[in-house]
Amino acid sequence: MTALRPDFLTEPISTRYSPRVRGFHEGMARHREAVARGDVAYRDPVSGLAVFTARFLADRGWCCNSGCRHCPYGPTPRTRPPR
């Protein structure tokens, strides 16, 4: 398993989701609430799309290399799903 970023639960990768993005603060509040409840995902406040939480992605144990907003592994992980 690839090492997790130390701040993966509270700080998204800035090139994927930053305060400059419309709805960022509401999205981060929804993320915190979803993590606290143990939810797999939350609804983006702008698009309405489902977004996986960092906790779910970390618990999965591997990076899918899809550019997830809350990827716990880093901006350029080199991981593959378990076989």
PDB file of N, CA and C in Angstrom:
ATOM      1  N   MET A   1       0.840  -1.177   0.000  1.00  0.00           N
ATOM      2  CA  MET A   1       0.000   0.000   0.000  1.00  0.00           C
ATOM      3  C   MET A   1       0.891   1.247   0.000  1.00  0.00           C
ATOM      4  N   THR A   2       0.495   2.263  -0.731  1.00  0.00           N
ATOM      5  CA  THR A   2       1.212   3.524  -0.782  1.00  0.00           C
ATOM      6  C   THR A   2       0.942   4.324   0.489  1.00  0.00           C
ATOM      7  N   ALA A   3       1.936   5.076   0.937  1.00  0.00           N
ATOM      8  CA  ALA A   3       1.787   5.880   2.153  1.00  0.00           C
ATOM      9  C   ALA A   3       0.752   6.984   1.960  1.00  0.00           C
ATOM     10  N   LEU A   4       0.012   7.249   3.014  1.00  0.00           N
ATOM     11  CA  LEU A   4      -0.994   8.306   2.995  1.00  0.00           C
ATOM     12  C   LEU A   4      -0.339   9.652   3.286  1.00  0.00           C
ATOM     13  N   ARG A   5      -0.873  10.722   2.692  1.00  0.00           N
ATOM     14  CA  ARG A   5      -0.419  12.074   3.025  1.00  0.00           C
ATOM     15  C   ARG A   5      -0.797  12.346   4.482  1.00  0.00           C
ATOM     16  N   PRO A   6       0.043  13.033   5.252  1.00  0.00           N
ATOM     17  CA  PRO A   6      -0.265  13.269   6.666  1.00  0.00           C
ATOM     18  C   PRO A   6      -1.563  14.052   6.890  1.00  0.00           C
ATOM     19  N   ASP A   7      -1.908  14.933   5.979  1.00  0.00           N
ATOM     20  CA  ASP A   7      -3.096  15.788   6.141  1.00  0.00           C
ATOM     21  C   ASP A   7      -4.253  15.373   5.234  1.00  0.00           C
ATOM     22  N   PHE A   8      -4.274  14.108   4.815  1.00  0.00           N
ATOM     23  CA  PHE A   8      -5.231  13.686   3.793  1.00  0.00           C
ATOM     24  C   PHE A   8      -6.695  13.886   4.173  1.00  0.00           C
ATOM     25  N   LEU A   9      -7.028  13.846   5.456  1.00  0.00           N
ATOM     26  CA  LEU A   9      -8.433  14.001   5.857  1.00  0.00           C
ATOM     27  C   LEU A   9      -8.904  15.453   5.849  1.00  0.00           C
ATOM     28  N   THR A  10      -7.979  16.391   5.985  1.00  0.00           N
ATOM     29  CA  THR A  10      -8.379  17.796   6.126  1.00  0.00           C
ATOM     30  C   THR A  10      -7.980  18.692   4.965  1.00  0.00           C
ATOM     31  N   GLU A  11      -7.002  18.283   4.165  1.00  0.00           N
ATOM     32  CA  GLU A  11      -6.509  19.130   3.078  1.00  0.00           C
ATOM     33  C   GLU A  11      -6.532  18.379   1.750  1.00  0.00           C
ATOM     34  N   PRO A  12      -7.362  18.812   0.809  1.00  0.00           N
ATOM     35  CA  PRO A  12      -7.326  18.184  -0.508  1.00  0.00           C
ATOM     36  C   PRO A  12      -6.071  18.617  -1.264  1.00  0.00           C
ATOM     37  N   ILE A  13      -5.716  17.893  -2.289  1.00  0.00           N
ATOM     38  CA  ILE A  13      -4.586  18.273  -3.133  1.00  0.00           C
ATOM     39  C   ILE A  13      -4.973  19.575  -3.832  1.00  0.00           C
ATOM     40  N   SER A  14      -4.177  20.621  -3.635  1.00  0.00           N
ATOM     41  CA  SER A  14      -4.566  21.971  -4.068  1.00  0.00           C
ATOM     42  C   SER A  14      -4.756  22.105  -5.574  1.00  0.00           C
ATOM     43  N   THR A  15      -4.099  21.278  -6.356  1.00  0.00           N
ATOM     44  CA  THR A  15      -4.294  21.358  -7.810  1.00  0.00           C
ATOM     45  C   THR A  15      -5.599  20.699  -8.245  1.00  0.00           C
ATOM     46  N   ARG A  16      -6.247  19.985  -7.326  1.00  0.00           N
ATOM     47  CA  ARG A  16      -7.510  19.322  -7.646  1.00  0.00           C
ATOM     48  C   ARG A  16      -8.715  20.021  -7.030  1.00  0.00           C
ATOM     49  N   TYR A  17      -8.500  20.685  -5.883  1.00  0.00           N
ATOM     50  CA  TYR A  17      -9.605  21.363  -5.190  1.00  0.00           C
ATOM     51  C   TYR A  17      -8.991  22.403  -4.271  1.00  0.00           C
ATOM     52  N   SER A  18      -9.290  23.665  -4.520  1.00  0.00           N
ATOM     53  CA  SER A  18      -8.693  24.747  -3.733  1.00  0.00           C
ATOM     54  C   SER A  18      -9.737  25.807  -3.404  1.00  0.00           C
ATOM     55  N   PRO A  19      -9.412  26.728  -2.496  1.00  0.00           N
ATOM     56  CA  PRO A  19     -10.350  27.793  -2.133  1.00  0.00           C
ATOM     57  C   PRO A  19     -10.762  28.675  -3.309  1.00  0.00           C
ATOM     58  N   ARG A  20     -10.040  28.606  -4.408  1.00  0.00           N
ATOM     59  CA  ARG A  20     -10.407  29.396  -5.592  1.00  0.00           C
ATOM     60  C   ARG A  20     -11.579  28.790  -6.359  1.00  0.00           C
ATOM     61  N   VAL A  21     -11.915  27.559  -6.049  1.00  0.00           N
ATOM     62  CA  VAL A  21     -13.010  26.861  -6.725  1.00  0.00           C
ATOM     63  C   VAL A  21     -14.340  27.254  -6.079  1.00  0.00           C
ATOM     64  N   ARG A  22     -15.311  27.600  -6.906  1.00  0.00           N
ATOM     65  CA  ARG A  22     -16.635  27.964  -6.392  1.00  0.00           C
ATOM     66  C   ARG A  22     -17.199  26.814  -5.560  1.00  0.00           C
ATOM     67  N   GLY A  23     -17.689  27.125  -4.381  1.00  0.00           N
ATOM     68  CA  GLY A  23     -18.282  26.125  -3.499  1.00  0.00           C
ATOM     69  C   GLY A  23     -17.287  25.375  -2.632  1.00  0.00           C
ATOM     70  N   PHE A  24     -16.008  25.782  -2.664  1.00  0.00           N
ATOM     71  CA  PHE A  24     -14.964  25.058  -1.925  1.00  0.00           C
ATOM     72  C   PHE A  24     -15.293  24.906  -0.437  1.00  0.00           C
ATOM     73  N   HIS A  25     -15.604  26.006   0.230  1.00  0.00           N
ATOM     74  CA  HIS A  25     -15.807  25.946   1.686  1.00  0.00           C
ATOM     75  C   HIS A  25     -17.020  25.090   2.055  1.00  0.00           C
ATOM     76  N   GLU A  26     -18.093  25.216   1.290  1.00  0.00           N
ATOM     77  CA  GLU A  26     -19.268  24.362   1.525  1.00  0.00           C
ATOM     78  C   GLU A  26     -18.921  22.898   1.233  1.00  0.00           C
ATOM     79  N   GLY A  27     -18.163  22.662   0.157  1.00  0.00           N
ATOM     80  CA  GLY A  27     -17.751  21.301  -0.178  1.00  0.00           C
ATOM     81  C   GLY A  27     -16.897  20.678   0.910  1.00  0.00           C
ATOM     82  N   MET A  28     -15.968  21.456   1.464  1.00  0.00           N
ATOM     83  CA  MET A  28     -15.123  20.938   2.542  1.00  0.00           C
ATOM     84  C   MET A  28     -15.941  20.685   3.804  1.00  0.00           C
ATOM     85  N   ALA A  29     -16.933  21.520   4.072  1.00  0.00           N
ATOM     86  CA  ALA A  29     -17.816  21.277   5.225  1.00  0.00           C
ATOM     87  C   ALA A  29     -18.584  19.974   5.022  1.00  0.00           C
ATOM     88  N   ARG A  30     -19.072  19.758   3.807  1.00  0.00           N
ATOM     89  CA  ARG A  30     -19.790  18.509   3.513  1.00  0.00           C
ATOM     90  C   ARG A  30     -18.861  17.308   3.642  1.00  0.00           C
ATOM     91  N   HIS A  31     -17.605  17.474   3.203  1.00  0.00           N
ATOM     92  CA  HIS A  31     -16.629  16.398   3.324  1.00  0.00           C
ATOM     93  C   HIS A  31     -16.401  16.054   4.796  1.00  0.00           C
ATOM     94  N   ARG A  32     -16.171  17.059   5.631  1.00  0.00           N
ATOM     95  CA  ARG A  32     -15.960  16.817   7.068  1.00  0.00           C
ATOM     96  C   ARG A  32     -17.150  16.092   7.687  1.00  0.00           C
ATOM     97  N   GLU A  33     -18.355  16.530   7.348  1.00  0.00           N
ATOM     98  CA  GLU A  33     -19.565  15.903   7.893  1.00  0.00           C
ATOM     99  C   GLU A  33     -19.693  14.455   7.427  1.00  0.00           C
ATOM    100  N   ALA A  34     -19.402  14.215   6.155  1.00  0.00           N
ATOM    101  CA  ALA A  34     -19.494  12.857   5.611  1.00  0.00           C
ATOM    102  C   ALA A  34     -18.476  11.933   6.279  1.00  0.00           C
ATOM    103  N   VAL A  35     -17.254  12.423   6.475  1.00  0.00           N
ATOM    104  CA  VAL A  35     -16.226  11.620   7.145  1.00  0.00           C
ATOM    105  C   VAL A  35     -16.665  11.306   8.575  1.00  0.00           C
ATOM    106  N   ALA A  36     -17.184  12.304   9.272  1.00  0.00           N
ATOM    107  CA  ALA A  36     -17.628  12.101  10.661  1.00  0.00           C
ATOM    108  C   ALA A  36     -18.749  11.067  10.756  1.00  0.00           C
ATOM    109  N   ARG A  37     -19.623  11.033   9.748  1.00  0.00           N
ATOM    110  CA  ARG A  37     -20.731  10.063   9.740  1.00  0.00           C
ATOM    111  C   ARG A  37     -20.305   8.693   9.228  1.00  0.00           C
ATOM    112  N   GLY A  38     -19.132   8.618   8.603  1.00  0.00           N
ATOM    113  CA  GLY A  38     -18.689   7.362   8.012  1.00  0.00           C
ATOM    114  C   GLY A  38     -19.257   7.128   6.628  1.00  0.00           C
ATOM    115  N   ASP A  39     -19.726   8.196   5.980  1.00  0.00           N
ATOM    116  CA  ASP A  39     -20.271   8.073   4.627  1.00  0.00           C
ATOM    117  C   ASP A  39     -19.152   7.859   3.616  1.00  0.00           C
ATOM    118  N   VAL A  40     -19.461   7.175   2.538  1.00  0.00           N
ATOM    119  CA  VAL A  40     -18.517   6.920   1.455  1.00  0.00           C
ATOM    120  C   VAL A  40     -18.310   8.171   0.607  1.00  0.00           C
ATOM    121  N   ALA A  41     -19.358   8.975   0.455  1.00  0.00           N
ATOM    122  CA  ALA A  41     -19.304  10.137  -0.436  1.00  0.00           C
ATOM    123  C   ALA A  41     -20.233  11.232   0.074  1.00  0.00           C
ATOM    124  N   TYR A  42     -20.138  12.388  -0.572  1.00  0.00           N
ATOM    125  CA  TYR A  42     -21.033  13.514  -0.296  1.00  0.00           C
ATOM    126  C   TYR A  42     -21.387  14.161  -1.628  1.00  0.00           C
ATOM    127  N   ARG A  43     -22.385  15.002  -1.651  1.00  0.00           N
ATOM    128  CA  ARG A  43     -22.797  15.703  -2.872  1.00  0.00           C
ATOM    129  C   ARG A  43     -22.050  17.022  -2.994  1.00  0.00           C
ATOM    130  N   ASP A  44     -21.422  17.247  -4.149  1.00  0.00           N
ATOM    131  CA  ASP A  44     -20.769  18.523  -4.413  1.00  0.00           C
ATOM    132  C   ASP A  44     -21.829  19.620  -4.412  1.00  0.00           C
ATOM    133  N   PRO A  45     -21.592  20.736  -3.703  1.00  0.00           N
ATOM    134  CA  PRO A  45     -22.614  21.776  -3.597  1.00  0.00           C
ATOM    135  C   PRO A  45     -22.885  22.527  -4.898  1.00  0.00           C
ATOM    136  N   VAL A  46     -21.989  22.462  -5.847  1.00  0.00           N
ATOM    137  CA  VAL A  46     -22.171  23.179  -7.111  1.00  0.00           C
ATOM    138  C   VAL A  46     -22.726  22.264  -8.193  1.00  0.00           C
ATOM    139  N   SER A  47     -22.084  21.115  -8.410  1.00  0.00           N
ATOM    140  CA  SER A  47     -22.486  20.224  -9.505  1.00  0.00           C
ATOM    141  C   SER A  47     -23.555  19.220  -9.103  1.00  0.00           C
ATOM    142  N   GLY A  48     -23.632  18.910  -7.809  1.00  0.00           N
ATOM    143  CA  GLY A  48     -24.560  17.881  -7.355  1.00  0.00           C
ATOM    144  C   GLY A  48     -24.035  16.465  -7.535  1.00  0.00           C
ATOM    145  N   LEU A  49     -22.827  16.331  -8.072  1.00  0.00           N
ATOM    146  CA  LEU A  49     -22.242  15.008  -8.280  1.00  0.00           C
ATOM    147  C   LEU A  49     -21.732  14.434  -6.963  1.00  0.00           C
ATOM    148  N   ALA A  50     -21.662  13.118  -6.890  1.00  0.00           N
ATOM    149  CA  ALA A  50     -21.114  12.446  -5.712  1.00  0.00           C
ATOM    150  C   ALA A  50     -19.592  12.536  -5.739  1.00  0.00           C
ATOM    151  N   VAL A  51     -19.001  12.796  -4.575  1.00  0.00           N
ATOM    152  CA  VAL A  51     -17.552  12.900  -4.426  1.00  0.00           C
ATOM    153  C   VAL A  51     -17.134  11.949  -3.306  1.00  0.00           C
ATOM    154  N   PHE A  52     -16.203  11.037  -3.593  1.00  0.00           N
ATOM    155  CA  PHE A  52     -15.718  10.117  -2.564  1.00  0.00           C
ATOM    156  C   PHE A  52     -14.970  10.874  -1.473  1.00  0.00           C
ATOM    157  N   THR A  53     -15.107  10.409  -0.241  1.00  0.00           N
ATOM    158  CA  THR A  53     -14.369  11.017   0.867  1.00  0.00           C
ATOM    159  C   THR A  53     -12.944  10.465   0.910  1.00  0.00           C
ATOM    160  N   ALA A  54     -12.064  11.237   1.532  1.00  0.00           N
ATOM    161  CA  ALA A  54     -10.679  10.804   1.700  1.00  0.00           C
ATOM    162  C   ALA A  54     -10.610   9.528   2.533  1.00  0.00           C
ATOM    163  N   ARG A  55     -11.478   9.399   3.538  1.00  0.00           N
ATOM    164  CA  ARG A  55     -11.473   8.203   4.384  1.00  0.00           C
ATOM    165  C   ARG A  55     -11.817   6.966   3.563  1.00  0.00           C
ATOM    166  N   PHE A  56     -12.841   7.054   2.721  1.00  0.00           N
ATOM    167  CA  PHE A  56     -13.205   5.921   1.872  1.00  0.00           C
ATOM    168  C   PHE A  56     -12.042   5.552   0.954  1.00  0.00           C
ATOM    169  N   LEU A  57     -11.440   6.553   0.315  1.00  0.00           N
ATOM    170  CA  LEU A  57     -10.346   6.288  -0.616  1.00  0.00           C
ATOM    171  C   LEU A  57      -9.146   5.674   0.102  1.00  0.00           C
ATOM    172  N   ALA A  58      -8.853   6.128   1.315  1.00  0.00           N
ATOM    173  CA  ALA A  58      -7.743   5.565   2.089  1.00  0.00           C
ATOM    174  C   ALA A  58      -8.049   4.130   2.510  1.00  0.00           C
ATOM    175  N   ASP A  59      -9.268   3.897   2.968  1.00  0.00           N
ATOM    176  CA  ASP A  59      -9.653   2.555   3.410  1.00  0.00           C
ATOM    177  C   ASP A  59      -9.645   1.554   2.260  1.00  0.00           C
ATOM    178  N   ARG A  60      -9.870   2.043   1.044  1.00  0.00           N
ATOM    179  CA  ARG A  60      -9.834   1.165  -0.123  1.00  0.00           C
ATOM    180  C   ARG A  60      -8.437   0.588  -0.306  1.00  0.00           C
ATOM    181  N   GLY A  61      -7.407   1.386   0.011  1.00  0.00           N
ATOM    182  CA  GLY A  61      -6.047   0.866   0.029  1.00  0.00           C
ATOM    183  C   GLY A  61      -5.228   1.015  -1.232  1.00  0.00           C
ATOM    184  N   TRP A  62      -5.757   1.634  -2.260  1.00  0.00           N
ATOM    185  CA  TRP A  62      -4.997   1.841  -3.491  1.00  0.00           C
ATOM    186  C   TRP A  62      -5.553   3.038  -4.257  1.00  0.00           C
ATOM    187  N   CYS A  63      -4.723   3.597  -5.126  1.00  0.00           N
ATOM    188  CA  CYS A  63      -5.111   4.761  -5.923  1.00  0.00           C
ATOM    189  C   CYS A  63      -5.556   4.311  -7.309  1.00  0.00           C
ATOM    190  N   CYS A  64      -6.670   4.857  -7.763  1.00  0.00           N
ATOM    191  CA  CYS A  64      -7.213   4.497  -9.077  1.00  0.00           C
ATOM    192  C   CYS A  64      -6.663   5.392 -10.186  1.00  0.00           C
ATOM    193  N   ASN A  65      -5.869   6.402  -9.824  1.00  0.00           N
ATOM    194  CA  ASN A  65      -5.282   7.344 -10.784  1.00  0.00           C
ATOM    195  C   ASN A  65      -6.334   8.078 -11.605  1.00  0.00           C
ATOM    196  N   SER A  66      -7.484   8.365 -10.988  1.00  0.00           N
ATOM    197  CA  SER A  66      -8.552   9.104 -11.674  1.00  0.00           C
ATOM    198  C   SER A  66      -8.562  10.586 -11.318  1.00  0.00           C
ATOM    199  N   GLY A  67      -7.627  11.029 -10.502  1.00  0.00           N
ATOM    200  CA  GLY A  67      -7.581  12.438 -10.121  1.00  0.00           C
ATOM    201  C   GLY A  67      -8.614  12.809  -9.082  1.00  0.00           C
ATOM    202  N   CYS A  68      -8.915  11.906  -8.174  1.00  0.00           N
ATOM    203  CA  CYS A  68      -9.938  12.162  -7.152  1.00  0.00           C
ATOM    204  C   CYS A  68      -9.613  13.409  -6.338  1.00  0.00           C
ATOM    205  N   ARG A  69     -10.628  14.179  -6.067  1.00  0.00           N
ATOM    206  CA  ARG A  69     -10.517  15.431  -5.307  1.00  0.00           C
ATOM    207  C   ARG A  69      -9.856  15.211  -3.950  1.00  0.00           C
ATOM    208  N   HIS A  70     -10.220  14.164  -3.258  1.00  0.00           N
ATOM    209  CA  HIS A  70      -9.713  13.917  -1.905  1.00  0.00           C
ATOM    210  C   HIS A  70      -8.747  12.736  -1.858  1.00  0.00           C
ATOM    211  N   CYS A  71      -7.997  12.515  -2.938  1.00  0.00           N
ATOM    212  CA  CYS A  71      -7.041  11.401  -2.963  1.00  0.00           C
ATOM    213  C   CYS A  71      -6.093  11.501  -1.769  1.00  0.00           C
ATOM    214  N   PRO A  72      -6.011  10.454  -0.969  1.00  0.00           N
ATOM    215  CA  PRO A  72      -5.156  10.494   0.219  1.00  0.00           C
ATOM    216  C   PRO A  72      -3.688  10.189  -0.072  1.00  0.00           C
ATOM    217  N   TYR A  73      -3.372   9.840  -1.318  1.00  0.00           N
ATOM    218  CA  TYR A  73      -2.031   9.362  -1.641  1.00  0.00           C
ATOM    219  C   TYR A  73      -1.091  10.406  -2.214  1.00  0.00           C
ATOM    220  N   GLY A  74      -1.580  11.495  -2.723  1.00  0.00           N
ATOM    221  CA  GLY A  74      -0.705  12.509  -3.298  1.00  0.00           C
ATOM    222  C   GLY A  74      -1.060  12.803  -4.734  1.00  0.00           C
ATOM    223  N   PRO A  75      -0.447  13.850  -5.286  1.00  0.00           N
ATOM    224  CA  PRO A  75      -0.823  14.286  -6.631  1.00  0.00           C
ATOM    225  C   PRO A  75      -0.425  13.322  -7.744  1.00  0.00           C
ATOM    226  N   THR A  76       0.634  12.537  -7.552  1.00  0.00           N
ATOM    227  CA  THR A  76       1.056  11.605  -8.599  1.00  0.00           C
ATOM    228  C   THR A  76       1.417  10.246  -8.003  1.00  0.00           C
ATOM    229  N   PRO A  77       0.459   9.557  -7.414  1.00  0.00           N
ATOM    230  CA  PRO A  77       0.761   8.251  -6.824  1.00  0.00           C
ATOM    231  C   PRO A  77       1.058   7.214  -7.901  1.00  0.00           C
ATOM    232  N   ARG A  78       1.802   6.227  -7.531  1.00  0.00           N
ATOM    233  CA  ARG A  78       2.124   5.125  -8.438  1.00  0.00           C
ATOM    234  C   ARG A  78       1.636   3.837  -7.802  1.00  0.00           C
ATOM    235  N   THR A  79       0.349   3.657  -7.822  1.00  0.00           N
ATOM    236  CA  THR A  79      -0.207   2.465  -7.190  1.00  0.00           C
ATOM    237  C   THR A  79      -1.127   1.744  -8.154  1.00  0.00           C
ATOM    238  N   ARG A  80      -1.386   0.521  -7.857  1.00  0.00           N
ATOM    239  CA  ARG A  80      -2.308  -0.292  -8.649  1.00  0.00           C
ATOM    240  C   ARG A  80      -3.243  -1.020  -7.692  1.00  0.00           C
ATOM    241  N   PRO A  81      -4.432  -1.375  -8.176  1.00  0.00           N
ATOM    242  CA  PRO A  81      -5.338  -2.126  -7.304  1.00  0.00           C
ATOM    243  C   PRO A  81      -4.750  -3.489  -6.957  1.00  0.00           C
ATOM    244  N   PRO A  82      -5.115  -4.019  -5.811  1.00  0.00           N
ATOM    245  CA  PRO A  82      -4.631  -5.358  -5.450  1.00  0.00           C
ATOM    246  C   PRO A  82      -5.167  -6.401  -6.415  1.00  0.00           C
ATOM    247  N   ARG A  83      -4.416  -7.425  -6.633  1.00  0.00           N
ATOM    248  CA  ARG A  83      -4.825  -8.485  -7.573  1.00  0.00           C
ATOM    249  C   ARG A  83      -5.284  -9.695  -6.810  1.00  0.00           C
TER     250      ARG A  83
END
